[in-house]
């Protein structure tokens, strides 16, 4: 017989495994607003992420304004999905922390997994013109905008991209050395 606490751990592991396997980028959204408690859960997932030396150098900017989302969509070459999203969360770091990209990547992953668990689709937008994004969002000069994540309920006609799936492990894993 498996003890209850171990059963709970196994359930969590299976749920995470399923979430990793089934999550995909969503770029078309329904216009339905995201409830405040769902948004708070997504933000808390990011806030709970680990960070280098637990410094938590990040800041999050929630963007719901349609005109601001439209303006942000021009700051990245592939950021047009921001236009149709009910909201986006910009990920901001400091210039002085060399671990920003890694830490903010973990934040993004946890936010997206939390959103997926709650039935919310998401997609990361990279800002190829970061100074433009910083100006649109009023971010201070000693900070930078790594990117933004669009969030929303997937459109009813949305179909995940079929860009070839994932490479097999033997094409991406090396053991002990290259």
C-alpha atoms as a PDB file:
ATOM      1  CA  UNK A   1       0.000   0.000   0.000  1.00  0.00           C
ATOM      2  CA  UNK A   2       1.307   3.488  -0.948  1.00  0.00           C
ATOM      3  CA  UNK A   3       1.195   6.070   1.886  1.00  0.00           C
ATOM      4  CA  UNK A   4      -1.114   9.072   1.284  1.00  0.00           C
ATOM      5  CA  UNK A   5       1.720  11.630   1.229  1.00  0.00           C
ATOM      6  CA  UNK A   6       3.575   9.622  -1.453  1.00  0.00           C
ATOM      7  CA  UNK A   7       0.347   9.247  -3.465  1.00  0.00           C
ATOM      8  CA  UNK A   8      -0.073  13.034  -3.406  1.00  0.00           C
ATOM      9  CA  UNK A   9       3.513  13.456  -4.629  1.00  0.00           C
ATOM     10  CA  UNK A  10       2.899  10.952  -7.444  1.00  0.00           C
ATOM     11  CA  UNK A  11      -0.274  12.790  -8.514  1.00  0.00           C
ATOM     12  CA  UNK A  12       1.627  16.098  -8.696  1.00  0.00           C
ATOM     13  CA  UNK A  13       4.423  14.507 -10.730  1.00  0.00           C
ATOM     14  CA  UNK A  14       1.925  13.020 -13.167  1.00  0.00           C
ATOM     15  CA  UNK A  15       0.105  16.347 -13.513  1.00  0.00           C
ATOM     16  CA  UNK A  16       3.347  18.199 -14.209  1.00  0.00           C
ATOM     17  CA  UNK A  17       4.369  15.549 -16.736  1.00  0.00           C
ATOM     18  CA  UNK A  18       1.015  15.867 -18.501  1.00  0.00           C
ATOM     19  CA  UNK A  19       1.218  19.659 -18.460  1.00  0.00           C
ATOM     20  CA  UNK A  20       4.695  19.626 -20.021  1.00  0.00           C
ATOM     21  CA  UNK A  21       3.569  17.185 -22.687  1.00  0.00           C
ATOM     22  CA  UNK A  22       0.321  18.970 -23.601  1.00  0.00           C
ATOM     23  CA  UNK A  23       1.248  22.673 -23.349  1.00  0.00           C
ATOM     24  CA  UNK A  24       1.832  24.482 -26.628  1.00  0.00           C
ATOM     25  CA  UNK A  25       2.010  28.059 -27.869  1.00  0.00           C
ATOM     26  CA  UNK A  26      -1.380  29.679 -28.434  1.00  0.00           C
ATOM     27  CA  UNK A  27      -1.476  32.742 -30.687  1.00  0.00           C
ATOM     28  CA  UNK A  28      -5.221  33.172 -31.296  1.00  0.00           C
ATOM     29  CA  UNK A  29      -7.473  34.035 -28.385  1.00  0.00           C
ATOM     30  CA  UNK A  30     -11.120  34.567 -27.540  1.00  0.00           C
ATOM     31  CA  UNK A  31     -11.863  38.113 -26.359  1.00  0.00           C
ATOM     32  CA  UNK A  32     -13.105  36.850 -22.965  1.00  0.00           C
ATOM     33  CA  UNK A  33     -11.384  38.615 -20.067  1.00  0.00           C
ATOM     34  CA  UNK A  34      -9.255  36.599 -17.666  1.00  0.00           C
ATOM     35  CA  UNK A  35     -10.702  36.695 -14.127  1.00  0.00           C
ATOM     36  CA  UNK A  36      -8.605  38.529 -11.530  1.00  0.00           C
ATOM     37  CA  UNK A  37      -8.102  35.392  -9.412  1.00  0.00           C
ATOM     38  CA  UNK A  38      -6.738  33.507 -12.454  1.00  0.00           C
ATOM     39  CA  UNK A  39      -4.385  36.392 -13.293  1.00  0.00           C
ATOM     40  CA  UNK A  40      -3.220  36.473  -9.673  1.00  0.00           C
ATOM     41  CA  UNK A  41      -2.500  32.717  -9.770  1.00  0.00           C
ATOM     42  CA  UNK A  42      -0.406  33.181 -12.934  1.00  0.00           C
ATOM     43  CA  UNK A  43       1.510  36.098 -11.396  1.00  0.00           C
ATOM     44  CA  UNK A  44       2.089  34.152  -8.183  1.00  0.00           C
ATOM     45  CA  UNK A  45       3.478  31.207 -10.153  1.00  0.00           C
ATOM     46  CA  UNK A  46       6.088  33.553 -11.640  1.00  0.00           C
ATOM     47  CA  UNK A  47       6.784  35.193  -8.297  1.00  0.00           C
ATOM     48  CA  UNK A  48       7.428  31.768  -6.749  1.00  0.00           C
ATOM     49  CA  UNK A  49      10.074  30.873  -9.334  1.00  0.00           C
ATOM     50  CA  UNK A  50      13.593  30.258  -8.144  1.00  0.00           C
ATOM     51  CA  UNK A  51      16.194  32.878  -8.923  1.00  0.00           C
ATOM     52  CA  UNK A  52      19.944  33.253  -8.690  1.00  0.00           C
ATOM     53  CA  UNK A  53      20.808  33.694  -4.999  1.00  0.00           C
ATOM     54  CA  UNK A  54      17.049  34.277  -4.441  1.00  0.00           C
ATOM     55  CA  UNK A  55      17.534  37.910  -5.508  1.00  0.00           C
ATOM     56  CA  UNK A  56      14.217  38.010  -7.401  1.00  0.00           C
ATOM     57  CA  UNK A  57      15.414  40.858  -9.614  1.00  0.00           C
ATOM     58  CA  UNK A  58      12.310  40.660 -11.791  1.00  0.00           C
ATOM     59  CA  UNK A  59       9.332  42.945 -12.182  1.00  0.00           C
ATOM     60  CA  UNK A  60       6.111  42.131 -14.043  1.00  0.00           C
ATOM     61  CA  UNK A  61       3.960  44.589 -15.980  1.00  0.00           C
ATOM     62  CA  UNK A  62       0.375  43.499 -16.659  1.00  0.00           C
ATOM     63  CA  UNK A  63      -0.914  45.033 -19.882  1.00  0.00           C
ATOM     64  CA  UNK A  64      -4.632  44.984 -20.742  1.00  0.00           C
ATOM     65  CA  UNK A  65      -4.945  48.222 -22.701  1.00  0.00           C
ATOM     66  CA  UNK A  66      -5.661  47.381 -26.385  1.00  0.00           C
ATOM     67  CA  UNK A  67      -3.635  50.305 -27.769  1.00  0.00           C
ATOM     68  CA  UNK A  68      -0.610  49.482 -25.615  1.00  0.00           C
ATOM     69  CA  UNK A  69      -0.790  45.800 -26.670  1.00  0.00           C
ATOM     70  CA  UNK A  70      -0.980  46.908 -30.309  1.00  0.00           C
ATOM     71  CA  UNK A  71       2.031  49.203 -29.852  1.00  0.00           C
ATOM     72  CA  UNK A  72       4.023  46.431 -28.135  1.00  0.00           C
ATOM     73  CA  UNK A  73       3.271  44.057 -31.003  1.00  0.00           C
ATOM     74  CA  UNK A  74       5.438  46.247 -33.252  1.00  0.00           C
ATOM     75  CA  UNK A  75       8.459  45.995 -30.924  1.00  0.00           C
ATOM     76  CA  UNK A  76       9.001  42.365 -31.916  1.00  0.00           C
ATOM     77  CA  UNK A  77       9.132  40.775 -35.358  1.00  0.00           C
ATOM     78  CA  UNK A  78       6.838  37.933 -34.281  1.00  0.00           C
ATOM     79  CA  UNK A  79       4.835  39.619 -31.512  1.00  0.00           C
ATOM     80  CA  UNK A  80       1.554  40.131 -33.397  1.00  0.00           C
ATOM     81  CA  UNK A  81      -0.253  37.674 -31.102  1.00  0.00           C
ATOM     82  CA  UNK A  82      -0.161  40.382 -28.419  1.00  0.00           C
ATOM     83  CA  UNK A  83      -2.826  42.324 -30.351  1.00  0.00           C
ATOM     84  CA  UNK A  84      -5.513  39.671 -29.901  1.00  0.00           C
ATOM     85  CA  UNK A  85      -4.722  38.673 -26.330  1.00  0.00           C
ATOM     86  CA  UNK A  86      -6.916  39.864 -23.453  1.00  0.00           C
ATOM     87  CA  UNK A  87      -3.690  40.617 -21.584  1.00  0.00           C
ATOM     88  CA  UNK A  88       0.049  40.251 -21.622  1.00  0.00           C
ATOM     89  CA  UNK A  89       2.651  40.216 -18.895  1.00  0.00           C
ATOM     90  CA  UNK A  90       5.961  41.907 -19.668  1.00  0.00           C
ATOM     91  CA  UNK A  91       9.009  40.411 -17.958  1.00  0.00           C
ATOM     92  CA  UNK A  92      11.458  43.041 -16.761  1.00  0.00           C
ATOM     93  CA  UNK A  93      14.938  42.541 -15.339  1.00  0.00           C
ATOM     94  CA  UNK A  94      17.817  44.713 -14.236  1.00  0.00           C
ATOM     95  CA  UNK A  95      20.832  45.492 -16.383  1.00  0.00           C
ATOM     96  CA  UNK A  96      23.289  44.466 -13.659  1.00  0.00           C
ATOM     97  CA  UNK A  97      22.191  40.845 -13.171  1.00  0.00           C
ATOM     98  CA  UNK A  98      23.905  38.431 -15.592  1.00  0.00           C
ATOM     99  CA  UNK A  99      21.385  35.701 -14.658  1.00  0.00           C
ATOM    100  CA  UNK A 100      18.343  37.714 -15.804  1.00  0.00           C
ATOM    101  CA  UNK A 101      17.663  35.682 -18.937  1.00  0.00           C
ATOM    102  CA  UNK A 102      17.829  32.380 -17.081  1.00  0.00           C
ATOM    103  CA  UNK A 103      15.739  33.586 -14.136  1.00  0.00           C
ATOM    104  CA  UNK A 104      13.119  35.237 -16.343  1.00  0.00           C
ATOM    105  CA  UNK A 105      12.988  32.101 -18.502  1.00  0.00           C
ATOM    106  CA  UNK A 106      12.059  30.108 -15.417  1.00  0.00           C
ATOM    107  CA  UNK A 107       9.455  32.736 -14.489  1.00  0.00           C
ATOM    108  CA  UNK A 108       7.957  32.470 -17.981  1.00  0.00           C
ATOM    109  CA  UNK A 109       7.824  28.666 -17.858  1.00  0.00           C
ATOM    110  CA  UNK A 110       6.059  28.608 -14.489  1.00  0.00           C
ATOM    111  CA  UNK A 111       3.575  31.302 -15.523  1.00  0.00           C
ATOM    112  CA  UNK A 112       2.773  29.408 -18.711  1.00  0.00           C
ATOM    113  CA  UNK A 113       2.382  26.076 -16.916  1.00  0.00           C
ATOM    114  CA  UNK A 114       0.052  27.668 -14.353  1.00  0.00           C
ATOM    115  CA  UNK A 115      -1.964  29.283 -17.141  1.00  0.00           C
ATOM    116  CA  UNK A 116      -2.179  25.957 -18.998  1.00  0.00           C
ATOM    117  CA  UNK A 117      -3.455  24.249 -15.848  1.00  0.00           C
ATOM    118  CA  UNK A 118      -6.202  26.908 -15.667  1.00  0.00           C
ATOM    119  CA  UNK A 119      -7.223  26.558 -19.329  1.00  0.00           C
ATOM    120  CA  UNK A 120      -5.430  29.709 -20.460  1.00  0.00           C
ATOM    121  CA  UNK A 121      -3.271  29.689 -23.592  1.00  0.00           C
ATOM    122  CA  UNK A 122      -0.048  31.675 -23.860  1.00  0.00           C
ATOM    123  CA  UNK A 123       2.817  32.585 -26.149  1.00  0.00           C
ATOM    124  CA  UNK A 124       6.120  34.377 -25.546  1.00  0.00           C
ATOM    125  CA  UNK A 125       6.914  37.512 -27.556  1.00  0.00           C
ATOM    126  CA  UNK A 126      10.529  38.551 -27.976  1.00  0.00           C
ATOM    127  CA  UNK A 127      11.183  42.261 -28.411  1.00  0.00           C
ATOM    128  CA  UNK A 128      13.680  42.734 -31.225  1.00  0.00           C
ATOM    129  CA  UNK A 129      13.483  46.469 -30.554  1.00  0.00           C
ATOM    130  CA  UNK A 130      13.802  46.483 -26.750  1.00  0.00           C
ATOM    131  CA  UNK A 131      14.205  50.275 -26.471  1.00  0.00           C
ATOM    132  CA  UNK A 132      10.833  50.674 -28.172  1.00  0.00           C
ATOM    133  CA  UNK A 133       9.225  48.218 -25.712  1.00  0.00           C
ATOM    134  CA  UNK A 134      10.888  49.989 -22.765  1.00  0.00           C
ATOM    135  CA  UNK A 135       9.507  53.344 -23.948  1.00  0.00           C
ATOM    136  CA  UNK A 136       5.971  51.981 -24.483  1.00  0.00           C
ATOM    137  CA  UNK A 137       5.959  50.526 -20.961  1.00  0.00           C
ATOM    138  CA  UNK A 138       7.814  53.362 -19.205  1.00  0.00           C
ATOM    139  CA  UNK A 139      10.539  51.015 -17.936  1.00  0.00           C
ATOM    140  CA  UNK A 140      13.509  52.835 -16.316  1.00  0.00           C
ATOM    141  CA  UNK A 141      16.838  52.923 -18.190  1.00  0.00           C
ATOM    142  CA  UNK A 142      18.567  50.633 -15.667  1.00  0.00           C
ATOM    143  CA  UNK A 143      16.057  47.855 -16.462  1.00  0.00           C
ATOM    144  CA  UNK A 144      15.278  45.985 -19.651  1.00  0.00           C
ATOM    145  CA  UNK A 145      12.208  44.240 -21.028  1.00  0.00           C
ATOM    146  CA  UNK A 146      13.102  40.649 -21.813  1.00  0.00           C
ATOM    147  CA  UNK A 147       9.790  40.008 -23.562  1.00  0.00           C
ATOM    148  CA  UNK A 148       6.120  39.571 -22.862  1.00  0.00           C
ATOM    149  CA  UNK A 149       3.749  36.637 -22.651  1.00  0.00           C
ATOM    150  CA  UNK A 150       0.299  36.889 -24.198  1.00  0.00           C
ATOM    151  CA  UNK A 151      -2.452  35.162 -22.218  1.00  0.00           C
ATOM    152  CA  UNK A 152      -6.022  34.286 -23.102  1.00  0.00           C
ATOM    153  CA  UNK A 153      -8.537  31.537 -23.626  1.00  0.00           C
ATOM    154  CA  UNK A 154      -7.678  29.795 -26.914  1.00  0.00           C
ATOM    155  CA  UNK A 155      -9.925  30.747 -29.847  1.00  0.00           C
ATOM    156  CA  UNK A 156     -12.511  28.071 -30.640  1.00  0.00           C
ATOM    157  CA  UNK A 157     -10.960  27.487 -34.084  1.00  0.00           C
ATOM    158  CA  UNK A 158      -7.368  27.499 -32.807  1.00  0.00           C
ATOM    159  CA  UNK A 159      -5.217  24.572 -33.859  1.00  0.00           C
ATOM    160  CA  UNK A 160      -1.666  24.065 -32.554  1.00  0.00           C
ATOM    161  CA  UNK A 161       1.118  24.580 -35.069  1.00  0.00           C
ATOM    162  CA  UNK A 162       2.495  21.413 -36.656  1.00  0.00           C
ATOM    163  CA  UNK A 163       6.097  22.482 -37.094  1.00  0.00           C
ATOM    164  CA  UNK A 164       7.602  19.000 -36.977  1.00  0.00           C
ATOM    165  CA  UNK A 165       7.258  18.061 -33.324  1.00  0.00           C
ATOM    166  CA  UNK A 166      10.269  17.491 -31.103  1.00  0.00           C
ATOM    167  CA  UNK A 167      13.619  16.011 -32.040  1.00  0.00           C
ATOM    168  CA  UNK A 168      14.368  12.618 -30.479  1.00  0.00           C
ATOM    169  CA  UNK A 169      16.673  12.584 -27.453  1.00  0.00           C
ATOM    170  CA  UNK A 170      19.544  10.993 -29.364  1.00  0.00           C
ATOM    171  CA  UNK A 171      19.679  14.105 -31.585  1.00  0.00           C
ATOM    172  CA  UNK A 172      19.954  16.571 -28.700  1.00  0.00           C
ATOM    173  CA  UNK A 173      21.687  14.741 -25.833  1.00  0.00           C
ATOM    174  CA  UNK A 174      25.399  14.109 -25.421  1.00  0.00           C
ATOM    175  CA  UNK A 175      26.811  11.973 -22.621  1.00  0.00           C
ATOM    176  CA  UNK A 176      29.896  13.105 -20.721  1.00  0.00           C
ATOM    177  CA  UNK A 177      31.209  15.157 -23.696  1.00  0.00           C
ATOM    178  CA  UNK A 178      30.160  16.302 -27.185  1.00  0.00           C
END
